C-alpha atoms as a PDB file:
ATOM      1  CA  MET A   1     -14.976  -1.549-200.470  1.00  0.00           C
ATOM      2  CA  THR A   2     -17.670   1.174-200.824  1.00  0.00           C
ATOM      3  CA  LYS A   3     -21.342   0.449-200.773  1.00  0.00           C
ATOM      4  CA  THR A   4     -21.491   1.262-204.469  1.00  0.00           C
ATOM      5  CA  GLU A   5     -18.789  -1.305-205.186  1.00  0.00           C
ATOM      6  CA  ALA A   6     -20.311  -3.924-202.918  1.00  0.00           C
ATOM      7  CA  VAL A   7     -23.767  -3.628-204.522  1.00  0.00           C
ATOM      8  CA  LYS A   8     -22.461  -3.656-208.061  1.00  0.00           C
ATOM      9  CA  ASN A   9     -20.227  -6.679-207.369  1.00  0.00           C
ATOM     10  CA  ARG A  10     -23.158  -8.493-205.863  1.00  0.00           C
ATOM     11  CA  ILE A  11     -25.390  -7.808-208.892  1.00  0.00           C
ATOM     12  CA  PHE A  12     -22.701  -8.615-211.514  1.00  0.00           C
ATOM     13  CA  ALA A  13     -21.388 -11.778-209.828  1.00  0.00           C
ATOM     14  CA  GLY A  14     -24.270 -12.960-207.716  1.00  0.00           C
ATOM     15  CA  SER A  15     -27.061 -12.300-210.189  1.00  0.00           C
ATOM     16  CA  ASP A  16     -25.011 -12.661-213.364  1.00  0.00           C
ATOM     17  CA  MET A  17     -26.252  -9.386-214.854  1.00  0.00           C
ATOM     18  CA  ASP A  18     -24.603  -7.718-217.863  1.00  0.00           C
ATOM     19  CA  TYR A  19     -25.461  -4.156-216.894  1.00  0.00           C
ATOM     20  CA  VAL A  20     -25.601  -2.294-213.612  1.00  0.00           C
ATOM     21  CA  GLY A  21     -26.009   1.450-212.913  1.00  0.00           C
ATOM     22  CA  ILE A  22     -27.140   3.543-209.984  1.00  0.00           C
ATOM     23  CA  CYS A  23     -28.782   6.965-210.118  1.00  0.00           C
ATOM     24  CA  PRO A  24     -30.401   9.208-207.533  1.00  0.00           C
ATOM     25  CA  SER A  25     -34.152   8.841-207.379  1.00  0.00           C
ATOM     26  CA  SER A  26     -34.489  12.584-207.892  1.00  0.00           C
ATOM     27  CA  VAL A  27     -33.964  12.132-211.629  1.00  0.00           C
ATOM     28  CA  LEU A  28     -37.610  10.875-211.874  1.00  0.00           C
ATOM     29  CA  GLU A  29     -39.248  13.202-209.435  1.00  0.00           C
ATOM     30  CA  GLY A  30     -40.478  15.338-212.380  1.00  0.00           C
ATOM     31  CA  GLU A  31     -42.573  12.438-213.704  1.00  0.00           C
ATOM     32  CA  PRO A  32     -46.429  12.443-213.533  1.00  0.00           C
ATOM     33  CA  LYS A  33     -47.999  12.078-210.091  1.00  0.00           C
ATOM     34  CA  GLY A  34     -48.185   8.464-209.083  1.00  0.00           C
ATOM     35  CA  HIS A  35     -45.059   7.595-211.031  1.00  0.00           C
ATOM     36  CA  ARG A  36     -42.465   9.385-209.013  1.00  0.00           C
ATOM     37  CA  PRO A  37     -40.100   7.279-206.883  1.00  0.00           C
ATOM     38  CA  SER A  38     -41.249   9.100-203.733  1.00  0.00           C
ATOM     39  CA  ASP A  39     -44.884   8.257-204.588  1.00  0.00           C
ATOM     40  CA  LEU A  40     -43.966   4.564-204.496  1.00  0.00           C
ATOM     41  CA  LEU A  41     -41.402   4.668-201.656  1.00  0.00           C
ATOM     42  CA  PRO A  42     -41.664   7.883-199.601  1.00  0.00           C
ATOM     43  CA  ASN A  43     -38.075   7.709-198.427  1.00  0.00           C
ATOM     44  CA  ALA A  44     -36.620   6.858-201.819  1.00  0.00           C
ATOM     45  CA  LYS A  45     -33.091   8.031-202.372  1.00  0.00           C
ATOM     46  CA  SER A  46     -31.742   5.881-205.227  1.00  0.00           C
ATOM     47  CA  ILE A  47     -32.668   3.724-208.200  1.00  0.00           C
ATOM     48  CA  ILE A  48     -30.575   0.685-208.991  1.00  0.00           C
ATOM     49  CA  VAL A  49     -30.936  -0.340-212.646  1.00  0.00           C
ATOM     50  CA  PHE A  50     -29.595  -3.621-214.054  1.00  0.00           C
ATOM     51  CA  GLY A  51     -30.242  -5.947-216.888  1.00  0.00           C
ATOM     52  CA  ARG A  52     -29.280  -8.660-219.286  1.00  0.00           C
ATOM     53  CA  ARG A  53     -28.692  -8.777-223.014  1.00  0.00           C
ATOM     54  CA  LEU A  54     -31.062 -10.757-225.170  1.00  0.00           C
ATOM     55  CA  ILE A  55     -29.490 -13.987-226.529  1.00  0.00           C
ATOM     56  CA  ASN A  56     -28.340 -13.543-230.120  1.00  0.00           C
ATOM     57  CA  GLY A  57     -29.461 -17.032-231.024  1.00  0.00           C
ATOM     58  CA  SER A  58     -33.012 -16.282-229.900  1.00  0.00           C
ATOM     59  CA  VAL A  59     -33.045 -12.832-231.574  1.00  0.00           C
ATOM     60  CA  GLN A  60     -32.109 -14.375-234.937  1.00  0.00           C
ATOM     61  CA  THR A  61     -35.213 -16.594-234.823  1.00  0.00           C
ATOM     62  CA  LYS A  62     -37.208 -13.433-235.616  1.00  0.00           C
ATOM     63  CA  PHE A  63     -35.206 -13.197-238.844  1.00  0.00           C
ATOM     64  CA  ARG A  64     -36.157 -16.773-239.653  1.00  0.00           C
ATOM     65  CA  PHE A  65     -39.838 -15.967-239.236  1.00  0.00           C
ATOM     66  CA  MET A  66     -39.891 -12.565-240.882  1.00  0.00           C
ATOM     67  CA  GLU A  67     -37.403 -13.284-243.700  1.00  0.00           C
ATOM     68  CA  ASP A  68     -37.896 -17.015-244.271  1.00  0.00           C
ATOM     69  CA  GLY A  69     -41.427 -17.659-243.038  1.00  0.00           C
ATOM     70  CA  VAL A  70     -40.277 -20.289-240.451  1.00  0.00           C
ATOM     71  CA  GLY A  71     -42.818 -19.905-237.648  1.00  0.00           C
ATOM     72  CA  ASN A  72     -42.199 -22.926-235.470  1.00  0.00           C
ATOM     73  CA  ILE A  73     -39.139 -21.440-233.746  1.00  0.00           C
ATOM     74  CA  VAL A  74     -40.509 -18.002-232.780  1.00  0.00           C
ATOM     75  CA  GLY A  75     -40.977 -19.309-229.272  1.00  0.00           C
ATOM     76  CA  SER A  76     -37.207 -19.211-228.815  1.00  0.00           C
ATOM     77  CA  TYR A  77     -37.506 -15.429-228.869  1.00  0.00           C
ATOM     78  CA  SER A  78     -40.979 -14.859-227.492  1.00  0.00           C
ATOM     79  CA  ALA A  79     -40.840 -17.438-224.634  1.00  0.00           C
ATOM     80  CA  HIS A  80     -37.188 -17.199-223.717  1.00  0.00           C
ATOM     81  CA  SER A  81     -35.772 -13.809-224.691  1.00  0.00           C
ATOM     82  CA  PHE A  82     -38.865 -11.659-224.236  1.00  0.00           C
ATOM     83  CA  VAL A  83     -41.493 -13.184-222.011  1.00  0.00           C
ATOM     84  CA  LEU A  84     -41.155 -16.367-219.985  1.00  0.00           C
ATOM     85  CA  SER A  85     -37.571 -17.322-219.277  1.00  0.00           C
ATOM     86  CA  ILE A  86     -36.124 -13.827-218.947  1.00  0.00           C
ATOM     87  CA  ASN A  87     -39.142 -12.513-217.015  1.00  0.00           C
ATOM     88  CA  HIS A  88     -38.951 -15.287-214.525  1.00  0.00           C
ATOM     89  CA  LEU A  89     -35.187 -14.951-214.245  1.00  0.00           C
ATOM     90  CA  CYS A  90     -35.295 -11.196-213.719  1.00  0.00           C
ATOM     91  CA  MET A  91     -38.194 -11.357-211.396  1.00  0.00           C
ATOM     92  CA  LYS A  92     -36.302 -13.731-209.145  1.00  0.00           C
ATOM     93  CA  GLN A  93     -33.031 -11.837-209.318  1.00  0.00           C
ATOM     94  CA  THR A  94     -34.732  -8.495-208.679  1.00  0.00           C
ATOM     95  CA  TYR A  95     -36.344  -9.959-205.525  1.00  0.00           C
ATOM     96  CA  ASP A  96     -33.065 -11.550-204.421  1.00  0.00           C
ATOM     97  CA  ILE A  97     -31.175  -8.307-204.909  1.00  0.00           C
ATOM     98  CA  ALA A  98     -33.811  -6.322-202.988  1.00  0.00           C
ATOM     99  CA  GLN A  99     -33.582  -8.806-200.147  1.00  0.00           C
ATOM    100  CA  TYR A 100     -29.776  -8.599-200.107  1.00  0.00           C
ATOM    101  CA  LEU A 101     -30.018  -4.807-199.881  1.00  0.00           C
ATOM    102  CA  GLU A 102     -32.359  -4.906-196.934  1.00  0.00           C
ATOM    103  CA  ASN A 103     -30.563  -7.675-195.094  1.00  0.00           C
ATOM    104  CA  THR A 104     -27.087  -6.141-195.646  1.00  0.00           C
ATOM    105  CA  PHE A 105     -27.687  -2.431-195.378  1.00  0.00           C
ATOM    106  CA  GLY A 106     -30.938  -2.128-193.374  1.00  0.00           C
ATOM    107  CA  CYS A 107     -32.582  -0.042-196.094  1.00  0.00           C
ATOM    108  CA  PHE A 108     -35.924  -0.365-197.817  1.00  0.00           C
ATOM    109  CA  ALA A 109     -35.714  -1.914-201.318  1.00  0.00           C
ATOM    110  CA  MET A 110     -38.754  -1.960-203.606  1.00  0.00           C
ATOM    111  CA  PRO A 111     -38.600  -4.212-206.692  1.00  0.00           C
ATOM    112  CA  VAL A 112     -40.138  -2.624-209.768  1.00  0.00           C
ATOM    113  CA  THR A 113     -42.088  -4.620-212.287  1.00  0.00           C
ATOM    114  CA  ASN A 114     -39.902  -4.773-215.394  1.00  0.00           C
ATOM    115  CA  ASN A 115     -42.723  -5.009-217.966  1.00  0.00           C
ATOM    116  CA  VAL A 116     -46.477  -4.775-217.847  1.00  0.00           C
ATOM    117  CA  LEU A 117     -46.082  -8.012-215.908  1.00  0.00           C
ATOM    118  CA  GLN A 118     -48.658  -8.076-213.072  1.00  0.00           C
ATOM    119  CA  ALA A 119     -49.375  -4.387-213.824  1.00  0.00           C
ATOM    120  CA  VAL A 120     -52.281  -2.736-212.086  1.00  0.00           C
ATOM    121  CA  GLN A 121     -55.038  -1.261-214.140  1.00  0.00           C
ATOM    122  CA  PRO A 122     -53.306   0.646-217.036  1.00  0.00           C
ATOM    123  CA  GLU A 123     -54.019   4.274-217.603  1.00  0.00           C
ATOM    124  CA  GLY A 124     -55.991   3.933-220.828  1.00  0.00           C
ATOM    125  CA  ASN A 125     -55.314   0.957-223.054  1.00  0.00           C
ATOM    126  CA  TYR A 126     -52.350  -1.369-222.890  1.00  0.00           C
ATOM    127  CA  ALA A 127     -49.382  -0.262-224.923  1.00  0.00           C
ATOM    128  CA  PRO A 128     -45.837  -1.564-225.440  1.00  0.00           C
ATOM    129  CA  PHE A 129     -43.927  -0.354-222.361  1.00  0.00           C
ATOM    130  CA  PHE A 130     -41.282   1.422-224.402  1.00  0.00           C
ATOM    131  CA  ALA A 131     -43.853   3.226-226.477  1.00  0.00           C
ATOM    132  CA  ASP A 132     -45.826   4.642-223.538  1.00  0.00           C
ATOM    133  CA  PRO A 133     -44.716   3.353-220.143  1.00  0.00           C
ATOM    134  CA  TYR A 134     -47.545   4.725-218.107  1.00  0.00           C
ATOM    135  CA  LYS A 135     -50.246   3.811-220.653  1.00  0.00           C
ATOM    136  CA  ALA A 136     -48.775   0.364-220.275  1.00  0.00           C
ATOM    137  CA  GLY A 137     -49.253   0.457-216.523  1.00  0.00           C
ATOM    138  CA  LEU A 138     -45.573   0.664-215.400  1.00  0.00           C
ATOM    139  CA  PRO A 139     -44.928   2.222-211.993  1.00  0.00           C
ATOM    140  CA  ILE A 140     -41.858   4.227-213.132  1.00  0.00           C
ATOM    141  CA  ASP A 141     -40.184   4.829-216.458  1.00  0.00           C
ATOM    142  CA  PHE A 142     -37.182   2.613-215.871  1.00  0.00           C
ATOM    143  CA  TYR A 143     -35.809   3.422-219.324  1.00  0.00           C
ATOM    144  CA  LYS A 144     -35.163   6.977-218.162  1.00  0.00           C
ATOM    145  CA  ALA A 145     -33.591   5.647-215.011  1.00  0.00           C
ATOM    146  CA  ALA A 146     -31.356   3.393-217.131  1.00  0.00           C
ATOM    147  CA  VAL A 147     -30.189   6.338-219.169  1.00  0.00           C
ATOM    148  CA  ALA A 148     -29.546   8.425-215.982  1.00  0.00           C
ATOM    149  CA  ALA A 149     -27.577   5.421-214.622  1.00  0.00           C
ATOM    150  CA  GLY A 150     -25.258   5.335-217.626  1.00  0.00           C
ATOM    151  CA  ILE A 151     -26.476   2.101-219.181  1.00  0.00           C
ATOM    152  CA  GLY A 152     -27.107   3.657-222.584  1.00  0.00           C
ATOM    153  CA  GLU A 153     -28.864   6.517-224.367  1.00  0.00           C
ATOM    154  CA  MET A 154     -32.346   7.003-225.623  1.00  0.00           C
ATOM    155  CA  GLY A 155     -32.792   6.091-229.272  1.00  0.00           C
ATOM    156  CA  TRP A 156     -35.103   7.308-232.016  1.00  0.00           C
ATOM    157  CA  ASN A 157     -37.041   4.071-231.523  1.00  0.00           C
ATOM    158  CA  HIS A 158     -37.816   4.967-227.871  1.00  0.00           C
ATOM    159  CA  ARG A 159     -35.502   2.178-226.676  1.00  0.00           C
ATOM    160  CA  VAL A 160     -32.446   2.320-224.386  1.00  0.00           C
ATOM    161  CA  ILE A 161     -29.550   1.888-226.801  1.00  0.00           C
ATOM    162  CA  THR A 162     -26.387   0.316-225.377  1.00  0.00           C
ATOM    163  CA  PRO A 163     -22.984   0.471-227.136  1.00  0.00           C
ATOM    164  CA  ASP A 164     -22.411  -3.303-227.168  1.00  0.00           C
ATOM    165  CA  ASN A 165     -25.917  -4.734-227.726  1.00  0.00           C
ATOM    166  CA  GLY A 166     -27.963  -1.813-229.087  1.00  0.00           C
ATOM    167  CA  PRO A 167     -31.525  -1.989-227.812  1.00  0.00           C
ATOM    168  CA  ARG A 168     -31.389  -5.795-227.367  1.00  0.00           C
ATOM    169  CA  VAL A 169     -31.303  -5.649-223.572  1.00  0.00           C
ATOM    170  CA  TYR A 170     -33.796  -6.436-220.800  1.00  0.00           C
ATOM    171  CA  ILE A 171     -33.809  -3.949-217.987  1.00  0.00           C
ATOM    172  CA  CYS A 172     -34.945  -4.189-214.314  1.00  0.00           C
ATOM    173  CA  ALA A 173     -34.973  -1.699-211.450  1.00  0.00           C
ATOM    174  CA  ILE A 174     -35.146  -1.341-207.669  1.00  0.00           C
ATOM    175  CA  ILE A 175     -36.143   1.802-205.773  1.00  0.00           C
ATOM    176  CA  THR A 176     -34.348   2.027-202.451  1.00  0.00           C
ATOM    177  CA  SER A 177     -33.950   4.303-199.449  1.00  0.00           C
ATOM    178  CA  MET A 178     -30.215   3.606-199.574  1.00  0.00           C
ATOM    179  CA  GLU A 179     -27.880   6.428-200.410  1.00  0.00           C
ATOM    180  CA  PHE A 180     -24.642   5.863-202.194  1.00  0.00           C
ATOM    181  CA  GLU A 181     -21.216   7.509-202.036  1.00  0.00           C
ATOM    182  CA  GLU A 182     -21.281   8.093-205.754  1.00  0.00           C
ATOM    183  CA  TYR A 183     -23.749   7.759-208.630  1.00  0.00           C
ATOM    184  CA  ASP A 184     -23.213   6.866-212.254  1.00  0.00           C
ATOM    185  CA  LYS A 185     -23.362   9.556-214.893  1.00  0.00           C
ATOM    186  CA  PRO A 186     -25.269   9.293-218.202  1.00  0.00           C
ATOM    187  CA  TYR A 187     -23.473   7.656-221.088  1.00  0.00           C
ATOM    188  CA  ALA A 188     -20.993  10.189-222.536  1.00  0.00           C
ATOM    189  CA  GLY A 189     -19.364   8.124-225.375  1.00  0.00           C
ATOM    190  CA  PRO A 190     -19.809   8.459-229.089  1.00  0.00           C
ATOM    191  CA  LYS A 191     -23.446   9.136-230.218  1.00  0.00           C
ATOM    192  CA  LEU A 192     -25.117   5.747-230.717  1.00  0.00           C
ATOM    193  CA  CYS A 193     -28.333   6.656-232.521  1.00  0.00           C
ATOM    194  CA  ASP A 194     -28.281   8.956-235.564  1.00  0.00           C
ATOM    195  CA  PRO A 195     -31.697   8.858-237.250  1.00  0.00           C
ATOM    196  CA  VAL A 196     -30.484  11.123-240.082  1.00  0.00           C
ATOM    197  CA  LYS A 197     -27.828   8.664-241.183  1.00  0.00           C
ATOM    198  CA  CYS A 198     -29.715   5.551-240.196  1.00  0.00           C
ATOM    199  CA  GLY A 199     -33.465   5.535-239.994  1.00  0.00           C
ATOM    200  CA  VAL A 200     -33.706   1.731-239.933  1.00  0.00           C
ATOM    201  CA  CYS A 201     -36.269   1.689-237.062  1.00  0.00           C
ATOM    202  CA  SER A 202     -38.700   3.892-238.984  1.00  0.00           C
ATOM    203  CA  GLU A 203     -38.058   2.047-242.247  1.00  0.00           C
ATOM    204  CA  VAL A 204     -38.899  -1.421-240.914  1.00  0.00           C
ATOM    205  CA  CYS A 205     -42.022  -0.438-238.900  1.00  0.00           C
ATOM    206  CA  PRO A 206     -44.920  -2.396-240.524  1.00  0.00           C
ATOM    207  CA  THR A 207     -47.572   0.113-239.368  1.00  0.00           C
ATOM    208  CA  HIS A 208     -45.528   3.268-240.069  1.00  0.00           C
ATOM    209  CA  ALA A 209     -45.845   4.143-236.420  1.00  0.00           C
ATOM    210  CA  LEU A 210     -42.437   5.778-236.113  1.00  0.00           C
ATOM    211  CA  ASP A 211     -42.071   8.961-238.101  1.00  0.00           C
ATOM    212  CA  PRO A 212     -38.662   9.052-239.891  1.00  0.00           C
ATOM    213  CA  LYS A 213     -38.433  12.905-239.797  1.00  0.00           C
ATOM    214  CA  LYS A 214     -40.663  14.235-237.043  1.00  0.00           C
ATOM    215  CA  GLY A 215     -39.414  13.852-233.552  1.00  0.00           C
ATOM    216  CA  THR A 216     -39.654  14.891-229.944  1.00  0.00           C
ATOM    217  CA  LYS A 217     -37.158  15.522-227.231  1.00  0.00           C
ATOM    218  CA  VAL A 218     -36.766  14.141-223.753  1.00  0.00           C
ATOM    219  CA  THR A 219     -34.390  15.613-221.202  1.00  0.00           C
ATOM    220  CA  ILE A 220     -32.700  13.315-218.691  1.00  0.00           C
ATOM    221  CA  CYS A 221     -30.131  14.690-216.210  1.00  0.00           C
ATOM    222  CA  GLY A 222     -29.872  17.858-218.249  1.00  0.00           C
ATOM    223  CA  LYS A 223     -29.079  16.122-221.532  1.00  0.00           C
ATOM    224  CA  GLU A 224     -31.513  16.134-224.476  1.00  0.00           C
ATOM    225  CA  TYR A 225     -32.279  13.061-226.489  1.00  0.00           C
ATOM    226  CA  ASP A 226     -34.093  12.913-229.866  1.00  0.00           C
ATOM    227  CA  LEU A 227     -36.912  10.418-230.083  1.00  0.00           C
ATOM    228  CA  GLY A 228     -39.089   9.756-233.118  1.00  0.00           C
ATOM    229  CA  LYS A 229     -42.701  10.825-233.102  1.00  0.00           C
ATOM    230  CA  LEU A 230     -44.414   7.564-232.190  1.00  0.00           C
ATOM    231  CA  ASP A 231     -47.941   6.522-232.837  1.00  0.00           C
ATOM    232  CA  VAL A 232     -48.491   4.416-229.761  1.00  0.00           C
ATOM    233  CA  ASN A 233     -51.673   2.715-231.075  1.00  0.00           C
ATOM    234  CA  GLY A 234     -49.996   1.961-234.374  1.00  0.00           C
ATOM    235  CA  CYS A 235     -47.073   0.457-232.552  1.00  0.00           C
ATOM    236  CA  SER A 236     -49.500  -1.588-230.445  1.00  0.00           C
ATOM    237  CA  VAL A 237     -51.133  -3.073-233.569  1.00  0.00           C
ATOM    238  CA  ALA A 238     -47.767  -4.471-234.627  1.00  0.00           C
ATOM    239  CA  CYS A 239     -46.517  -5.612-231.221  1.00  0.00           C
ATOM    240  CA  PHE A 240     -49.773  -7.317-230.393  1.00  0.00           C
ATOM    241  CA  GLY A 241     -49.684  -9.143-233.767  1.00  0.00           C
ATOM    242  CA  PHE A 242     -52.979  -7.789-235.121  1.00  0.00           C
ATOM    243  CA  ARG A 243     -51.631  -8.386-238.604  1.00  0.00           C
ATOM    244  CA  ARG A 244     -51.446 -11.758-240.382  1.00  0.00           C
ATOM    245  CA  GLN A 245     -47.920 -11.254-241.544  1.00  0.00           C
ATOM    246  CA  LEU A 246     -46.750 -10.759-237.958  1.00  0.00           C
ATOM    247  CA  ASN A 247     -49.039 -13.295-236.264  1.00  0.00           C
ATOM    248  CA  PRO A 248     -50.764 -15.885-238.531  1.00  0.00           C
ATOM    249  CA  ARG A 249     -52.803 -17.071-235.517  1.00  0.00           C
ATOM    250  CA  THR A 250     -54.276 -13.646-234.653  1.00  0.00           C
ATOM    251  CA  GLY A 251     -57.974 -13.719-234.013  1.00  0.00           C
ATOM    252  CA  VAL A 252     -58.573 -10.091-234.903  1.00  0.00           C
ATOM    253  CA  VAL A 253     -56.965  -8.137-237.767  1.00  0.00           C
ATOM    254  CA  VAL A 254     -56.778  -4.388-237.345  1.00  0.00           C
ATOM    255  CA  ASP A 255     -56.575  -2.880-240.840  1.00  0.00           C
ATOM    256  CA  LYS A 256     -55.810   0.663-239.761  1.00  0.00           C
ATOM    257  CA  ASP A 257     -52.199   1.626-239.098  1.00  0.00           C
ATOM    258  CA  SER A 258     -53.483   4.102-236.477  1.00  0.00           C
ATOM    259  CA  PRO A 259     -56.594   2.901-234.778  1.00  0.00           C
ATOM    260  CA  THR A 260     -58.414   4.911-232.183  1.00  0.00           C
ATOM    261  CA  ASP A 261     -58.271   4.047-228.529  1.00  0.00           C
ATOM    262  CA  GLU A 262     -61.738   2.576-228.783  1.00  0.00           C
ATOM    263  CA  GLU A 263     -60.869   0.458-231.857  1.00  0.00           C
ATOM    264  CA  LEU A 264     -57.705  -0.844-230.174  1.00  0.00           C
ATOM    265  CA  ALA A 265     -59.552  -1.609-226.958  1.00  0.00           C
ATOM    266  CA  GLU A 266     -62.188  -3.538-228.864  1.00  0.00           C
ATOM    267  CA  ALA A 267     -59.547  -5.629-230.636  1.00  0.00           C
ATOM    268  CA  LEU A 268     -57.824  -6.354-227.345  1.00  0.00           C
ATOM    269  CA  SER A 269     -61.098  -7.422-225.652  1.00  0.00           C
ATOM    270  CA  ARG A 270     -61.973  -9.717-228.504  1.00  0.00           C
ATOM    271  CA  ASN A 271     -58.559 -11.318-228.467  1.00  0.00           C
ATOM    272  CA  PHE A 272     -58.686 -11.730-224.681  1.00  0.00           C
ATOM    273  CA  GLU A 273     -61.478 -14.215-225.307  1.00  0.00           C
ATOM    274  CA  LYS A 274     -59.138 -16.456-227.284  1.00  0.00           C
ATOM    275  CA  PRO A 275     -57.505 -19.311-225.312  1.00  0.00           C
ATOM    276  CA  GLY A 276     -53.767 -18.810-224.999  1.00  0.00           C
ATOM    277  CA  PHE A 277     -53.875 -15.085-225.726  1.00  0.00           C
ATOM    278  CA  GLN A 278     -53.025 -14.144-222.185  1.00  0.00           C
ATOM    279  CA  THR A 279     -49.409 -14.488-221.226  1.00  0.00           C
ATOM    280  CA  LEU A 280     -47.206 -13.746-218.229  1.00  0.00           C
ATOM    281  CA  ASP A 281     -47.389 -10.152-219.512  1.00  0.00           C
ATOM    282  CA  HIS A 282     -51.171 -10.351-219.738  1.00  0.00           C
ATOM    283  CA  ILE A 283     -51.016  -9.747-223.515  1.00  0.00           C
ATOM    284  CA  PRO A 284     -48.201 -10.772-225.857  1.00  0.00           C
ATOM    285  CA  MET A 285     -46.075  -7.885-227.161  1.00  0.00           C
ATOM    286  CA  PHE A 286     -43.377  -9.745-229.046  1.00  0.00           C
ATOM    287  CA  HIS A 287     -44.927 -10.130-232.461  1.00  0.00           C
ATOM    288  CA  CYS A 288     -43.036  -7.229-234.047  1.00  0.00           C
ATOM    289  CA  GLU A 289     -39.982  -5.879-232.295  1.00  0.00           C
ATOM    290  CA  ARG A 290     -38.486  -4.958-235.669  1.00  0.00           C
ATOM    291  CA  CYS A 291     -37.038  -1.728-234.337  1.00  0.00           C
ATOM    292  CA  LEU A 292     -35.179  -3.786-231.790  1.00  0.00           C
ATOM    293  CA  ILE A 293     -33.935  -6.714-233.856  1.00  0.00           C
ATOM    294  CA  TYR A 294     -32.825  -4.661-236.869  1.00  0.00           C
ATOM    295  CA  CYS A 295     -31.217  -1.733-235.030  1.00  0.00           C
ATOM    296  CA  PRO A 296     -27.643  -1.662-236.326  1.00  0.00           C
ATOM    297  CA  VAL A 297     -26.148  -0.367-233.064  1.00  0.00           C
ATOM    298  CA  GLY A 298     -24.377  -2.989-230.977  1.00  0.00           C
ATOM    299  CA  ASN A 299     -22.356  -4.611-233.790  1.00  0.00           C
ATOM    300  CA  TRP A 300     -25.470  -5.920-235.569  1.00  0.00           C
ATOM    301  CA  LYS A 301     -23.630  -6.470-238.788  1.00  0.00           C
ATOM    302  CA  GLU A 302     -20.862  -8.496-237.168  1.00  0.00           C
ATOM    303  CA  LYS A 303     -23.299 -10.488-234.997  1.00  0.00           C
ATOM    304  CA  PHE A 304     -25.971 -11.304-237.566  1.00  0.00           C
ATOM    305  CA  ALA A 305     -25.415 -10.213-241.161  1.00  0.00           C
ATOM    306  CA  ASP A 306     -21.820 -11.403-241.397  1.00  0.00           C
ATOM    307  CA  HIS A 307     -22.930 -14.822-240.286  1.00  0.00           C
ATOM    308  CA  GLY A 308     -25.681 -15.043-242.995  1.00  0.00           C
ATOM    309  CA  LEU A 309     -28.441 -14.800-240.348  1.00  0.00           C
ATOM    310  CA  SER A 310     -30.185 -11.884-241.988  1.00  0.00           C
ATOM    311  CA  ASP A 311     -30.536 -10.963-245.623  1.00  0.00           C
ATOM    312  CA  ARG A 312     -31.263  -7.332-244.805  1.00  0.00           C
ATOM    313  CA  GLU A 313     -28.853  -5.003-246.575  1.00  0.00           C
ATOM    314  CA  VAL A 314     -26.573  -3.215-244.170  1.00  0.00           C
ATOM    315  CA  LYS A 315     -26.318   0.520-244.682  1.00  0.00           C
END
């Protein structure tokens, strides 16, 4: 059994992960200074990316809140699929996998925070990690690593899109000095995200933060991906729940779809004063997520609409 096979078997079977991919750390060496694998682990050679799908039963609770106004079950998504349970689970498994790598192969293995969880001082204001990973305080852009490792492709909504679960996945990463006999290649199957034919993520955005027509491009391992032009602060307003329809308990309402950095920082500081506002992620980012829960990729129709779990019309 090769090292690649042994590590993947351990992560799939021992940690019960749904996704595993491995890419050379060099794929992120073009990132900004301080966010390159070699900045974090000088002898970095590889990035191991793995993750779990979000539970369909928890995801559908967002439909109950957004479509039916049932608010007392949102915790099934926010606490279990997005913040508490899955964060604790992935933190533990990431540490266990890193320890396994060091004990078994004598390498260095650095667990990477898989959200703004315990993040050091962000560069600017907090932001949803998928919207602006470094503004959110992440050490590396593990979404790019996930694409390089073949887990999925980048979507218009700035998420990693997988064939079987769309963007409804939770991703973790480990930087290691270990070299592998072979590395995974980027996803090469049928195109998953087509904003021209779809556009659902832009359509459902409550703050109009994701432009339906204007985009940008990101290159990963020589392959270009189209991403929508994203207003990070507008996305933050929705994710932080600074609108009554997204978070009836919000202490501060931000009326602008696109606040300035200063206006967003003021809203965050005022909400930090509210008891219960802080979470394991420091600030809750689960109040919107519409571009995740309504993305049709990953058999959305068969999983949700066909069971009467969402009344959204399927294109």
